[in-house]
Amino acid sequence: MYRGFFQSLKEAVKRFLSNRILVVGIVLIPMAFLLFGRLFHLQIIRGNDYYENYVNTTRKEVSIPAIRGNIYDRNGVLLAGNKVVYSVTVTDDNYYPK
């Protein structure tokens, strides 16, 4: 009684697995949903966090000490010396949308 049932079940599974397009579809569709779900999570849900991290890593302030000393050639002629200059800062807040 059960032998005939299991035999027909075995044949049905064999026919099901012989259809390659169906098997590939069953494998690829869940993988595509996982991929799109992950992309949605990264871009839409966590996108602002990644953007702020990007802005923080691209903006860097560098401070260079002003006095380094004079440079003379072998005859004692000044080649490079210290001169007072003023700092200039340019900020374009429209470049980084909020």
PDB file of N, CA and C in Angstrom:
ATOM      1  N   MET A   1       0.815  -1.191   0.000  1.00  0.00           N
ATOM      2  CA  MET A   1       0.000   0.000   0.000  1.00  0.00           C
ATOM      3  C   MET A   1       0.864   1.262   0.000  1.00  0.00           C
ATOM      4  N   TYR A   2       1.798   1.329   0.945  1.00  0.00           N
ATOM      5  CA  TYR A   2       2.658   2.512   1.019  1.00  0.00           C
ATOM      6  C   TYR A   2       3.714   2.516  -0.082  1.00  0.00           C
ATOM      7  N   ARG A   3       4.077   1.319  -0.535  1.00  0.00           N
ATOM      8  CA  ARG A   3       5.114   1.209  -1.558  1.00  0.00           C
ATOM      9  C   ARG A   3       4.679   1.909  -2.837  1.00  0.00           C
ATOM     10  N   GLY A   4       3.438   1.780  -3.237  1.00  0.00           N
ATOM     11  CA  GLY A   4       2.929   2.442  -4.437  1.00  0.00           C
ATOM     12  C   GLY A   4       2.864   3.955  -4.259  1.00  0.00           C
ATOM     13  N   PHE A   5       2.526   4.391  -3.047  1.00  0.00           N
ATOM     14  CA  PHE A   5       2.472   5.834  -2.768  1.00  0.00           C
ATOM     15  C   PHE A   5       3.861   6.458  -2.849  1.00  0.00           C
ATOM     16  N   PHE A   6       4.826   5.789  -2.207  1.00  0.00           N
ATOM     17  CA  PHE A   6       6.189   6.327  -2.227  1.00  0.00           C
ATOM     18  C   PHE A   6       6.798   6.260  -3.629  1.00  0.00           C
ATOM     19  N   GLN A   7       6.442   5.245  -4.376  1.00  0.00           N
ATOM     20  CA  GLN A   7       6.930   5.150  -5.751  1.00  0.00           C
ATOM     21  C   GLN A   7       6.378   6.292  -6.604  1.00  0.00           C
ATOM     22  N   SER A   8       5.094   6.586  -6.470  1.00  0.00           N
ATOM     23  CA  SER A   8       4.512   7.692  -7.238  1.00  0.00           C
ATOM     24  C   SER A   8       5.047   9.033  -6.761  1.00  0.00           C
ATOM     25  N   LEU A   9       5.303   9.157  -5.462  1.00  0.00           N
ATOM     26  CA  LEU A   9       5.902  10.388  -4.930  1.00  0.00           C
ATOM     27  C   LEU A   9       7.318  10.566  -5.475  1.00  0.00           C
ATOM     28  N   LYS A  10       8.058   9.480  -5.537  1.00  0.00           N
ATOM     29  CA  LYS A  10       9.420   9.519  -6.078  1.00  0.00           C
ATOM     30  C   LYS A  10       9.402   9.939  -7.541  1.00  0.00           C
ATOM     31  N   GLU A  11       8.484   9.425  -8.311  1.00  0.00           N
ATOM     32  CA  GLU A  11       8.370   9.796  -9.717  1.00  0.00           C
ATOM     33  C   GLU A  11       7.973  11.262  -9.867  1.00  0.00           C
ATOM     34  N   ALA A  12       7.084  11.748  -9.011  1.00  0.00           N
ATOM     35  CA  ALA A  12       6.664  13.151  -9.078  1.00  0.00           C
ATOM     36  C   ALA A  12       7.820  14.082  -8.752  1.00  0.00           C
ATOM     37  N   VAL A  13       8.618  13.733  -7.761  1.00  0.00           N
ATOM     38  CA  VAL A  13       9.790  14.544  -7.400  1.00  0.00           C
ATOM     39  C   VAL A  13      10.810  14.507  -8.529  1.00  0.00           C
ATOM     40  N   LYS A  14      10.993  13.353  -9.143  1.00  0.00           N
ATOM     41  CA  LYS A  14      11.938  13.225 -10.253  1.00  0.00           C
ATOM     42  C   LYS A  14      11.502  14.086 -11.435  1.00  0.00           C
ATOM     43  N   ARG A  15      10.210  14.102 -11.748  1.00  0.00           N
ATOM     44  CA  ARG A  15       9.706  14.942 -12.834  1.00  0.00           C
ATOM     45  C   ARG A  15       9.850  16.425 -12.486  1.00  0.00           C
ATOM     46  N   PHE A  16       9.599  16.739 -11.225  1.00  0.00           N
ATOM     47  CA  PHE A  16       9.717  18.134 -10.783  1.00  0.00           C
ATOM     48  C   PHE A  16      11.151  18.629 -10.910  1.00  0.00           C
ATOM     49  N   LEU A  17      12.106  17.820 -10.482  1.00  0.00           N
ATOM     50  CA  LEU A  17      13.512  18.225 -10.530  1.00  0.00           C
ATOM     51  C   LEU A  17      14.091  18.165 -11.934  1.00  0.00           C
ATOM     52  N   SER A  18      13.444  17.459 -12.846  1.00  0.00           N
ATOM     53  CA  SER A  18      13.956  17.396 -14.205  1.00  0.00           C
ATOM     54  C   SER A  18      13.667  18.689 -14.975  1.00  0.00           C
ATOM     55  N   ASN A  19      12.738  19.484 -14.509  1.00  0.00           N
ATOM     56  CA  ASN A  19      12.451  20.764 -15.141  1.00  0.00           C
ATOM     57  C   ASN A  19      13.463  21.794 -14.601  1.00  0.00           C
ATOM     58  N   ARG A  20      14.530  22.023 -15.330  1.00  0.00           N
ATOM     59  CA  ARG A  20      15.649  22.848 -14.855  1.00  0.00           C
ATOM     60  C   ARG A  20      15.265  24.304 -14.665  1.00  0.00           C
ATOM     61  N   ILE A  21      14.430  24.825 -15.531  1.00  0.00           N
ATOM     62  CA  ILE A  21      14.035  26.233 -15.417  1.00  0.00           C
ATOM     63  C   ILE A  21      13.285  26.460 -14.111  1.00  0.00           C
ATOM     64  N   LEU A  22      12.440  25.542 -13.748  1.00  0.00           N
ATOM     65  CA  LEU A  22      11.693  25.664 -12.504  1.00  0.00           C
ATOM     66  C   LEU A  22      12.622  25.608 -11.299  1.00  0.00           C
ATOM     67  N   VAL A  23      13.592  24.697 -11.324  1.00  0.00           N
ATOM     68  CA  VAL A  23      14.532  24.566 -10.212  1.00  0.00           C
ATOM     69  C   VAL A  23      15.390  25.831 -10.095  1.00  0.00           C
ATOM     70  N   VAL A  24      15.876  26.332 -11.217  1.00  0.00           N
ATOM     71  CA  VAL A  24      16.687  27.556 -11.195  1.00  0.00           C
ATOM     72  C   VAL A  24      15.847  28.725 -10.695  1.00  0.00           C
ATOM     73  N   GLY A  25      14.589  28.791 -11.117  1.00  0.00           N
ATOM     74  CA  GLY A  25      13.702  29.855 -10.634  1.00  0.00           C
ATOM     75  C   GLY A  25      13.473  29.773  -9.146  1.00  0.00           C
ATOM     76  N   ILE A  26      13.302  28.561  -8.634  1.00  0.00           N
ATOM     77  CA  ILE A  26      13.091  28.398  -7.196  1.00  0.00           C
ATOM     78  C   ILE A  26      14.330  28.811  -6.415  1.00  0.00           C
ATOM     79  N   VAL A  27      15.494  28.631  -6.972  1.00  0.00           N
ATOM     80  CA  VAL A  27      16.728  29.019  -6.288  1.00  0.00           C
ATOM     81  C   VAL A  27      16.984  30.514  -6.438  1.00  0.00           C
ATOM     82  N   LEU A  28      16.798  31.070  -7.636  1.00  0.00           N
ATOM     83  CA  LEU A  28      17.180  32.459  -7.892  1.00  0.00           C
ATOM     84  C   LEU A  28      16.191  33.480  -7.335  1.00  0.00           C
ATOM     85  N   ILE A  29      14.905  33.165  -7.312  1.00  0.00           N
ATOM     86  CA  ILE A  29      13.925  34.144  -6.830  1.00  0.00           C
ATOM     87  C   ILE A  29      14.140  34.489  -5.358  1.00  0.00           C
ATOM     88  N   PRO A  30      14.327  33.526  -4.449  1.00  0.00           N
ATOM     89  CA  PRO A  30      14.616  33.922  -3.054  1.00  0.00           C
ATOM     90  C   PRO A  30      15.934  34.674  -2.918  1.00  0.00           C
ATOM     91  N   MET A  31      16.935  34.290  -3.718  1.00  0.00           N
ATOM     92  CA  MET A  31      18.210  35.003  -3.653  1.00  0.00           C
ATOM     93  C   MET A  31      18.041  36.450  -4.119  1.00  0.00           C
ATOM     94  N   ALA A  32      17.231  36.672  -5.142  1.00  0.00           N
ATOM     95  CA  ALA A  32      16.981  38.032  -5.625  1.00  0.00           C
ATOM     96  C   ALA A  32      16.245  38.847  -4.570  1.00  0.00           C
ATOM     97  N   PHE A  33      15.255  38.235  -3.900  1.00  0.00           N
ATOM     98  CA  PHE A  33      14.551  38.944  -2.832  1.00  0.00           C
ATOM     99  C   PHE A  33      15.494  39.297  -1.686  1.00  0.00           C
ATOM    100  N   LEU A  34      16.393  38.400  -1.335  1.00  0.00           N
ATOM    101  CA  LEU A  34      17.370  38.702  -0.285  1.00  0.00           C
ATOM    102  C   LEU A  34      18.284  39.852  -0.700  1.00  0.00           C
ATOM    103  N   LEU A  35      18.737  39.828  -1.947  1.00  0.00           N
ATOM    104  CA  LEU A  35      19.617  40.884  -2.440  1.00  0.00           C
ATOM    105  C   LEU A  35      18.916  42.232  -2.444  1.00  0.00           C
ATOM    106  N   PHE A  36      17.694  42.283  -2.988  1.00  0.00           N
ATOM    107  CA  PHE A  36      16.964  43.546  -3.021  1.00  0.00           C
ATOM    108  C   PHE A  36      16.601  44.024  -1.623  1.00  0.00           C
ATOM    109  N   GLY A  37      16.306  43.109  -0.735  1.00  0.00           N
ATOM    110  CA  GLY A  37      16.030  43.494   0.650  1.00  0.00           C
ATOM    111  C   GLY A  37      17.246  44.104   1.317  1.00  0.00           C
ATOM    112  N   ARG A  38      18.395  43.505   1.092  1.00  0.00           N
ATOM    113  CA  ARG A  38      19.632  44.033   1.680  1.00  0.00           C
ATOM    114  C   ARG A  38      19.985  45.390   1.078  1.00  0.00           C
ATOM    115  N   LEU A  39      19.832  45.535  -0.228  1.00  0.00           N
ATOM    116  CA  LEU A  39      20.097  46.826  -0.863  1.00  0.00           C
ATOM    117  C   LEU A  39      19.141  47.899  -0.352  1.00  0.00           C
ATOM    118  N   PHE A  40      17.871  47.553  -0.158  1.00  0.00           N
ATOM    119  CA  PHE A  40      16.906  48.499   0.395  1.00  0.00           C
ATOM    120  C   PHE A  40      17.324  48.920   1.800  1.00  0.00           C
ATOM    121  N   HIS A  41      17.759  47.949   2.583  1.00  0.00           N
ATOM    122  CA  HIS A  41      18.189  48.262   3.949  1.00  0.00           C
ATOM    123  C   HIS A  41      19.408  49.192   3.944  1.00  0.00           C
ATOM    124  N   LEU A  42      20.375  48.901   3.077  1.00  0.00           N
ATOM    125  CA  LEU A  42      21.595  49.711   3.045  1.00  0.00           C
ATOM    126  C   LEU A  42      21.345  51.103   2.479  1.00  0.00           C
ATOM    127  N   GLN A  43      20.554  51.212   1.418  1.00  0.00           N
ATOM    128  CA  GLN A  43      20.361  52.491   0.745  1.00  0.00           C
ATOM    129  C   GLN A  43      19.308  53.362   1.407  1.00  0.00           C
ATOM    130  N   ILE A  44      18.172  52.808   1.741  1.00  0.00           N
ATOM    131  CA  ILE A  44      17.054  53.604   2.227  1.00  0.00           C
ATOM    132  C   ILE A  44      17.090  53.744   3.738  1.00  0.00           C
ATOM    133  N   ILE A  45      17.220  52.649   4.444  1.00  0.00           N
ATOM    134  CA  ILE A  45      17.136  52.695   5.900  1.00  0.00           C
ATOM    135  C   ILE A  45      18.420  53.242   6.515  1.00  0.00           C
ATOM    136  N   ARG A  46      19.580  52.734   6.105  1.00  0.00           N
ATOM    137  CA  ARG A  46      20.849  53.152   6.708  1.00  0.00           C
ATOM    138  C   ARG A  46      21.629  54.125   5.839  1.00  0.00           C
ATOM    139  N   GLY A  47      21.043  54.624   4.760  1.00  0.00           N
ATOM    140  CA  GLY A  47      21.762  55.486   3.827  1.00  0.00           C
ATOM    141  C   GLY A  47      22.270  56.764   4.447  1.00  0.00           C
ATOM    142  N   ASN A  48      21.487  57.375   5.332  1.00  0.00           N
ATOM    143  CA  ASN A  48      21.899  58.632   5.960  1.00  0.00           C
ATOM    144  C   ASN A  48      23.122  58.422   6.854  1.00  0.00           C
ATOM    145  N   ASP A  49      23.184  57.304   7.564  1.00  0.00           N
ATOM    146  CA  ASP A  49      24.349  57.016   8.404  1.00  0.00           C
ATOM    147  C   ASP A  49      25.610  56.876   7.561  1.00  0.00           C
ATOM    148  N   TYR A  50      25.495  56.158   6.451  1.00  0.00           N
ATOM    149  CA  TYR A  50      26.655  55.990   5.583  1.00  0.00           C
ATOM    150  C   TYR A  50      27.064  57.317   4.938  1.00  0.00           C
ATOM    151  N   TYR A  51      26.093  58.165   4.624  1.00  0.00           N
ATOM    152  CA  TYR A  51      26.409  59.461   4.040  1.00  0.00           C
ATOM    153  C   TYR A  51      27.152  60.335   5.045  1.00  0.00           C
ATOM    154  N   GLU A  52      26.684  60.359   6.293  1.00  0.00           N
ATOM    155  CA  GLU A  52      27.374  61.154   7.319  1.00  0.00           C
ATOM    156  C   GLU A  52      28.782  60.629   7.553  1.00  0.00           C
ATOM    157  N   ASN A  53      28.956  59.318   7.533  1.00  0.00           N
ATOM    158  CA  ASN A  53      30.285  58.743   7.685  1.00  0.00           C
ATOM    159  C   ASN A  53      31.178  59.154   6.521  1.00  0.00           C
ATOM    160  N   TYR A  54      30.632  59.181   5.308  1.00  0.00           N
ATOM    161  CA  TYR A  54      31.392  59.602   4.127  1.00  0.00           C
ATOM    162  C   TYR A  54      31.827  61.057   4.259  1.00  0.00           C
ATOM    163  N   VAL A  55      30.907  61.919   4.689  1.00  0.00           N
ATOM    164  CA  VAL A  55      31.241  63.335   4.826  1.00  0.00           C
ATOM    165  C   VAL A  55      32.307  63.521   5.898  1.00  0.00           C
ATOM    166  N   ASN A  56      32.210  62.790   7.001  1.00  0.00           N
ATOM    167  CA  ASN A  56      33.195  62.924   8.069  1.00  0.00           C
ATOM    168  C   ASN A  56      34.570  62.428   7.647  1.00  0.00           C
ATOM    169  N   THR A  57      34.629  61.438   6.775  1.00  0.00           N
ATOM    170  CA  THR A  57      35.941  60.942   6.354  1.00  0.00           C
ATOM    171  C   THR A  57      36.544  61.767   5.225  1.00  0.00           C
ATOM    172  N   THR A  58      35.735  62.529   4.488  1.00  0.00           N
ATOM    173  CA  THR A  58      36.296  63.331   3.409  1.00  0.00           C
ATOM    174  C   THR A  58      36.695  64.712   3.868  1.00  0.00           C
ATOM    175  N   ARG A  59      36.125  65.190   4.956  1.00  0.00           N
ATOM    176  CA  ARG A  59      36.520  66.497   5.492  1.00  0.00           C
ATOM    177  C   ARG A  59      37.583  66.292   6.558  1.00  0.00           C
ATOM    178  N   LYS A  60      38.736  66.881   6.324  1.00  0.00           N
ATOM    179  CA  LYS A  60      39.826  66.770   7.285  1.00  0.00           C
ATOM    180  C   LYS A  60      40.470  68.134   7.463  1.00  0.00           C
ATOM    181  N   GLU A  61      40.782  68.442   8.689  1.00  0.00           N
ATOM    182  CA  GLU A  61      41.492  69.685   8.984  1.00  0.00           C
ATOM    183  C   GLU A  61      42.932  69.340   9.312  1.00  0.00           C
ATOM    184  N   VAL A  62      43.842  70.073   8.704  1.00  0.00           N
ATOM    185  CA  VAL A  62      45.261  69.839   8.918  1.00  0.00           C
ATOM    186  C   VAL A  62      45.864  71.117   9.468  1.00  0.00           C
ATOM    187  N   SER A  63      46.497  71.006  10.615  1.00  0.00           N
ATOM    188  CA  SER A  63      47.190  72.154  11.212  1.00  0.00           C
ATOM    189  C   SER A  63      48.687  71.956  11.046  1.00  0.00           C
ATOM    190  N   ILE A  64      49.327  72.954  10.476  1.00  0.00           N
ATOM    191  CA  ILE A  64      50.773  72.907  10.273  1.00  0.00           C
ATOM    192  C   ILE A  64      51.383  74.019  11.114  1.00  0.00           C
ATOM    193  N   PRO A  65      52.322  73.677  11.970  1.00  0.00           N
ATOM    194  CA  PRO A  65      52.967  74.725  12.769  1.00  0.00           C
ATOM    195  C   PRO A  65      53.644  75.750  11.865  1.00  0.00           C
ATOM    196  N   ALA A  66      53.597  77.017  12.285  1.00  0.00           N
ATOM    197  CA  ALA A  66      54.041  78.098  11.414  1.00  0.00           C
ATOM    198  C   ALA A  66      55.560  78.253  11.360  1.00  0.00           C
ATOM    199  N   ILE A  67      56.223  78.210  12.461  1.00  0.00           N
ATOM    200  CA  ILE A  67      57.662  78.519  12.473  1.00  0.00           C
ATOM    201  C   ILE A  67      58.459  77.252  12.211  1.00  0.00           C
ATOM    202  N   ARG A  68      59.261  77.308  11.145  1.00  0.00           N
ATOM    203  CA  ARG A  68      60.092  76.168  10.791  1.00  0.00           C
ATOM    204  C   ARG A  68      61.583  76.536  10.745  1.00  0.00           C
ATOM    205  N   GLY A  69      61.880  77.783  10.718  1.00  0.00           N
ATOM    206  CA  GLY A  69      63.280  78.196  10.646  1.00  0.00           C
ATOM    207  C   GLY A  69      63.650  78.666   9.255  1.00  0.00           C
ATOM    208  N   ASN A  70      64.703  79.387   9.174  1.00  0.00           N
ATOM    209  CA  ASN A  70      65.165  79.918   7.889  1.00  0.00           C
ATOM    210  C   ASN A  70      66.083  78.916   7.207  1.00  0.00           C
ATOM    211  N   ILE A  71      66.140  79.016   5.879  1.00  0.00           N
ATOM    212  CA  ILE A  71      67.026  78.157   5.093  1.00  0.00           C
ATOM    213  C   ILE A  71      67.997  79.073   4.350  1.00  0.00           C
ATOM    214  N   TYR A  72      69.276  78.787   4.569  1.00  0.00           N
ATOM    215  CA  TYR A  72      70.330  79.589   3.936  1.00  0.00           C
ATOM    216  C   TYR A  72      71.134  78.709   2.991  1.00  0.00           C
ATOM    217  N   ASP A  73      71.742  79.349   1.989  1.00  0.00           N
ATOM    218  CA  ASP A  73      72.646  78.596   1.130  1.00  0.00           C
ATOM    219  C   ASP A  73      74.038  78.596   1.744  1.00  0.00           C
ATOM    220  N   ARG A  74      75.011  78.042   1.062  1.00  0.00           N
ATOM    221  CA  ARG A  74      76.342  77.908   1.662  1.00  0.00           C
ATOM    222  C   ARG A  74      77.066  79.241   1.837  1.00  0.00           C
ATOM    223  N   ASN A  75      76.603  80.287   1.138  1.00  0.00           N
ATOM    224  CA  ASN A  75      77.206  81.607   1.284  1.00  0.00           C
ATOM    225  C   ASN A  75      76.500  82.462   2.321  1.00  0.00           C
ATOM    226  N   GLY A  76      75.458  81.902   2.970  1.00  0.00           N
ATOM    227  CA  GLY A  76      74.745  82.640   4.002  1.00  0.00           C
ATOM    228  C   GLY A  76      73.604  83.485   3.458  1.00  0.00           C
ATOM    229  N   VAL A  77      73.253  83.302   2.201  1.00  0.00           N
ATOM    230  CA  VAL A  77      72.150  84.062   1.615  1.00  0.00           C
ATOM    231  C   VAL A  77      70.840  83.338   1.970  1.00  0.00           C
ATOM    232  N   LEU A  78      69.862  84.134   2.425  1.00  0.00           N
ATOM    233  CA  LEU A  78      68.580  83.570   2.833  1.00  0.00           C
ATOM    234  C   LEU A  78      67.819  83.064   1.600  1.00  0.00           C
ATOM    235  N   LEU A  79      67.483  81.748   1.588  1.00  0.00           N
ATOM    236  CA  LEU A  79      66.713  81.154   0.496  1.00  0.00           C
ATOM    237  C   LEU A  79      65.223  81.102   0.837  1.00  0.00           C
ATOM    238  N   ALA A  80      64.916  80.713   2.060  1.00  0.00           N
ATOM    239  CA  ALA A  80      63.523  80.620   2.486  1.00  0.00           C
ATOM    240  C   ALA A  80      63.446  81.066   3.932  1.00  0.00           C
ATOM    241  N   GLY A  81      62.528  81.992   4.190  1.00  0.00           N
ATOM    242  CA  GLY A  81      62.394  82.507   5.541  1.00  0.00           C
ATOM    243  C   GLY A  81      60.947  82.500   5.994  1.00  0.00           C
ATOM    244  N   ASN A  82      60.755  82.901   7.250  1.00  0.00           N
ATOM    245  CA  ASN A  82      59.409  82.953   7.806  1.00  0.00           C
ATOM    246  C   ASN A  82      58.751  84.278   7.476  1.00  0.00           C
ATOM    247  N   LYS A  83      57.478  84.215   7.150  1.00  0.00           N
ATOM    248  CA  LYS A  83      56.711  85.404   6.829  1.00  0.00           C
ATOM    249  C   LYS A  83      55.309  85.226   7.399  1.00  0.00           C
ATOM    250  N   VAL A  84      54.771  86.268   7.982  1.00  0.00           N
ATOM    251  CA  VAL A  84      53.436  86.187   8.561  1.00  0.00           C
ATOM    252  C   VAL A  84      52.407  86.183   7.434  1.00  0.00           C
ATOM    253  N   VAL A  85      51.561  85.178   7.440  1.00  0.00           N
ATOM    254  CA  VAL A  85      50.474  85.091   6.475  1.00  0.00           C
ATOM    255  C   VAL A  85      49.190  84.794   7.236  1.00  0.00           C
ATOM    256  N   TYR A  86      48.089  85.110   6.626  1.00  0.00           N
ATOM    257  CA  TYR A  86      46.807  84.901   7.263  1.00  0.00           C
ATOM    258  C   TYR A  86      46.136  83.662   6.693  1.00  0.00           C
ATOM    259  N   SER A  87      45.378  83.003   7.530  1.00  0.00           N
ATOM    260  CA  SER A  87      44.701  81.777   7.145  1.00  0.00           C
ATOM    261  C   SER A  87      43.419  82.093   6.394  1.00  0.00           C
ATOM    262  N   VAL A  88      43.161  81.343   5.344  1.00  0.00           N
ATOM    263  CA  VAL A  88      41.946  81.508   4.561  1.00  0.00           C
ATOM    264  C   VAL A  88      41.175  80.195   4.623  1.00  0.00           C
ATOM    265  N   THR A  89      39.893  80.295   4.939  1.00  0.00           N
ATOM    266  CA  THR A  89      39.040  79.112   4.988  1.00  0.00           C
ATOM    267  C   THR A  89      37.870  79.312   4.046  1.00  0.00           C
ATOM    268  N   VAL A  90      37.647  78.333   3.183  1.00  0.00           N
ATOM    269  CA  VAL A  90      36.535  78.385   2.248  1.00  0.00           C
ATOM    270  C   VAL A  90      35.578  77.268   2.614  1.00  0.00           C
ATOM    271  N   THR A  91      34.318  77.629   2.802  1.00  0.00           N
ATOM    272  CA  THR A  91      33.300  76.641   3.144  1.00  0.00           C
ATOM    273  C   THR A  91      32.144  76.785   2.182  1.00  0.00           C
ATOM    274  N   ASP A  92      31.784  75.670   1.580  1.00  0.00           N
ATOM    275  CA  ASP A  92      30.623  75.654   0.686  1.00  0.00           C
ATOM    276  C   ASP A  92      29.641  74.657   1.259  1.00  0.00           C
ATOM    277  N   ASP A  93      28.715  75.137   2.088  1.00  0.00           N
ATOM    278  CA  ASP A  93      27.762  74.255   2.740  1.00  0.00           C
ATOM    279  C   ASP A  93      26.717  73.712   1.773  1.00  0.00           C
ATOM    280  N   ASN A  94      26.566  74.306   0.619  1.00  0.00           N
ATOM    281  CA  ASN A  94      25.596  73.815  -0.352  1.00  0.00           C
ATOM    282  C   ASN A  94      26.094  72.558  -1.074  1.00  0.00           C
ATOM    283  N   TYR A  95      27.387  72.282  -0.967  1.00  0.00           N
ATOM    284  CA  TYR A  95      27.932  71.109  -1.625  1.00  0.00           C
ATOM    285  C   TYR A  95      27.471  69.814  -0.949  1.00  0.00           C
ATOM    286  N   TYR A  96      27.291  69.848   0.354  1.00  0.00           N
ATOM    287  CA  TYR A  96      26.871  68.674   1.104  1.00  0.00           C
ATOM    288  C   TYR A  96      25.405  68.817   1.496  1.00  0.00           C
ATOM    289  N   PRO A  97      24.489  68.252   0.716  1.00  0.00           N
ATOM    290  CA  PRO A  97      23.068  68.394   1.066  1.00  0.00           C
ATOM    291  C   PRO A  97      22.745  67.636   2.341  1.00  0.00           C
ATOM    292  N   LYS A  98      21.788  68.155   3.067  1.00  0.00           N
ATOM    293  CA  LYS A  98      21.446  67.526   4.357  1.00  0.00           C
ATOM    294  C   LYS A  98      20.215  66.718   4.284  1.00  0.00           C
TER     295      LYS A  98
END
